[in-house]
Each structure stands twice: as structure tokens, then as C-alpha cells.
Amino acid sequence: MMRFGFRHAVASELIDSGAPISVVQTQMRHSDPRITLGIYGHVIPQSQRDAIESLADRIQGQLLTEMGIADSAV
């Protein structure tokens, strides 16, 4: 993998794993977080969808547990 491909992969993984943009900015040595967002911002929407889906699954599981309904029945 070329240097910039690896760099892009690392930054994307950091963002996808929930690292704050300020952390990614520092790791990528960008002078301004707007640079980081401009280059890697496309990763954020998928991360947000994944986080919301994960939260929804946890809430649903908790509700089912409280209602006495087994997860396997759903």
C-alpha cells in the first residue's frame, strides 16, 4: 500500500473507531481540524449510522429483557 493510502486508512479507522477529530488532526499533523474534516469527513456519516444502529439494538434488547421476551423470539 502506498504511503498516502496507508495514511488515509489509519485516519479513517481512527474516525470510524470514535476518535475525536482533534486526535485524528494531531496524528495526521494537520494544522487545522477543518483540513482533517475536509479530507476524511466522508467516514463520519457511516460511523454515526453504525453508532445509532448499535444503540438501537441495545435499547431494543433492554426493552425485550424488561418485558420478559427472549431475544431468540424476535
C-alpha atoms as a PDB file:
ATOM      1  CA  MET A   1       0.000   0.000   0.000  1.00  0.00           C
ATOM      2  CA  MET A   2       1.354   3.410  -0.872  1.00  0.00           C
ATOM      3  CA  ARG A   3       2.174   5.833   1.923  1.00  0.00           C
ATOM      4  CA  PHE A   4      -0.883   8.025   1.398  1.00  0.00           C
ATOM      5  CA  GLY A   5      -3.157   5.004   1.103  1.00  0.00           C
ATOM      6  CA  PHE A   6      -1.922   3.768   4.478  1.00  0.00           C
ATOM      7  CA  ARG A   7      -2.266   7.253   5.950  1.00  0.00           C
ATOM      8  CA  HIS A   8      -5.848   7.506   4.690  1.00  0.00           C
ATOM      9  CA  ALA A   9      -6.656   4.053   6.073  1.00  0.00           C
ATOM     10  CA  VAL A  10      -5.259   4.935   9.509  1.00  0.00           C
ATOM     11  CA  ALA A  11      -7.159   8.231   9.695  1.00  0.00           C
ATOM     12  CA  SER A  12     -10.374   6.571   8.509  1.00  0.00           C
ATOM     13  CA  GLU A  13     -10.044   3.798  11.090  1.00  0.00           C
ATOM     14  CA  LEU A  14      -9.394   6.310  13.870  1.00  0.00           C
ATOM     15  CA  ILE A  15     -12.533   8.244  12.953  1.00  0.00           C
ATOM     16  CA  ASP A  16     -14.552   5.060  12.491  1.00  0.00           C
ATOM     17  CA  SER A  17     -13.473   3.827  15.929  1.00  0.00           C
ATOM     18  CA  GLY A  18     -14.775   7.025  17.508  1.00  0.00           C
ATOM     19  CA  ALA A  19     -11.603   9.044  17.929  1.00  0.00           C
ATOM     20  CA  PRO A  20     -12.293  12.785  18.171  1.00  0.00           C
ATOM     21  CA  ILE A  21     -11.366  14.817  15.113  1.00  0.00           C
ATOM     22  CA  SER A  22      -8.822  16.702  17.249  1.00  0.00           C
ATOM     23  CA  VAL A  23      -6.978  13.426  17.896  1.00  0.00           C
ATOM     24  CA  VAL A  24      -7.004  12.491  14.207  1.00  0.00           C
ATOM     25  CA  GLN A  25      -5.857  16.021  13.355  1.00  0.00           C
ATOM     26  CA  THR A  26      -2.882  15.655  15.691  1.00  0.00           C
ATOM     27  CA  GLN A  27      -1.973  12.209  14.381  1.00  0.00           C
ATOM     28  CA  MET A  28      -2.164  13.379  10.772  1.00  0.00           C
ATOM     29  CA  ARG A  29      -0.234  16.556  11.703  1.00  0.00           C
ATOM     30  CA  HIS A  30      -2.824  18.833  10.135  1.00  0.00           C
ATOM     31  CA  SER A  31      -2.622  22.455  11.211  1.00  0.00           C
ATOM     32  CA  ASP A  32      -6.391  22.817  11.425  1.00  0.00           C
ATOM     33  CA  PRO A  33      -9.240  20.339  12.113  1.00  0.00           C
ATOM     34  CA  ARG A  34     -11.037  21.674   9.025  1.00  0.00           C
ATOM     35  CA  ILE A  35      -8.308  20.100   6.908  1.00  0.00           C
ATOM     36  CA  THR A  36      -8.909  16.752   8.607  1.00  0.00           C
ATOM     37  CA  LEU A  37     -12.666  17.043   8.169  1.00  0.00           C
ATOM     38  CA  GLY A  38     -12.275  18.043   4.543  1.00  0.00           C
ATOM     39  CA  ILE A  39     -10.165  15.003   3.722  1.00  0.00           C
ATOM     40  CA  TYR A  40     -11.714  12.345   5.972  1.00  0.00           C
ATOM     41  CA  GLY A  41     -15.204  13.694   6.621  1.00  0.00           C
ATOM     42  CA  HIS A  42     -16.797  11.075   4.373  1.00  0.00           C
ATOM     43  CA  VAL A  43     -16.086   8.451   7.060  1.00  0.00           C
ATOM     44  CA  ILE A  44     -18.181  10.210   9.703  1.00  0.00           C
ATOM     45  CA  PRO A  45     -21.703   9.571   8.320  1.00  0.00           C
ATOM     46  CA  GLN A  46     -21.177   5.787   8.285  1.00  0.00           C
ATOM     47  CA  SER A  47     -19.742   5.893  11.802  1.00  0.00           C
ATOM     48  CA  GLN A  48     -22.779   7.799  13.018  1.00  0.00           C
ATOM     49  CA  ARG A  49     -25.158   5.309  11.387  1.00  0.00           C
ATOM     50  CA  ASP A  50     -23.271   2.413  12.954  1.00  0.00           C
ATOM     51  CA  ALA A  51     -23.378   4.066  16.390  1.00  0.00           C
ATOM     52  CA  ILE A  52     -27.113   4.749  16.138  1.00  0.00           C
ATOM     53  CA  GLU A  53     -27.836   1.196  14.992  1.00  0.00           C
ATOM     54  CA  SER A  54     -25.774  -0.197  17.858  1.00  0.00           C
ATOM     55  CA  LEU A  55     -27.619   1.979  20.364  1.00  0.00           C
ATOM     56  CA  ALA A  56     -30.989   0.983  18.899  1.00  0.00           C
ATOM     57  CA  ASP A  57     -30.065  -2.701  19.197  1.00  0.00           C
ATOM     58  CA  ARG A  58     -29.053  -2.228  22.838  1.00  0.00           C
ATOM     59  CA  ILE A  59     -32.275  -0.367  23.664  1.00  0.00           C
ATOM     60  CA  GLN A  60     -34.372  -3.000  21.921  1.00  0.00           C
ATOM     61  CA  GLY A  61     -32.565  -5.758  23.796  1.00  0.00           C
ATOM     62  CA  GLN A  62     -33.091  -3.980  27.111  1.00  0.00           C
ATOM     63  CA  LEU A  63     -36.801  -3.470  26.390  1.00  0.00           C
ATOM     64  CA  LEU A  64     -37.235  -7.106  25.425  1.00  0.00           C
ATOM     65  CA  THR A  65     -35.464  -8.191  28.592  1.00  0.00           C
ATOM     66  CA  GLU A  66     -37.655  -5.957  30.731  1.00  0.00           C
ATOM     67  CA  MET A  67     -40.738  -7.342  29.003  1.00  0.00           C
ATOM     68  CA  GLY A  68     -39.564 -10.906  29.582  1.00  0.00           C
ATOM     69  CA  ILE A  69     -39.292 -11.664  25.878  1.00  0.00           C
ATOM     70  CA  ALA A  70     -36.331 -13.762  24.790  1.00  0.00           C
ATOM     71  CA  ASP A  71     -34.094 -12.282  22.090  1.00  0.00           C
ATOM     72  CA  SER A  72     -34.352 -15.504  20.072  1.00  0.00           C
ATOM     73  CA  ALA A  73     -38.115 -14.998  19.694  1.00  0.00           C
ATOM     74  CA  VAL A  74     -37.598 -11.853  17.651  1.00  0.00           C
END
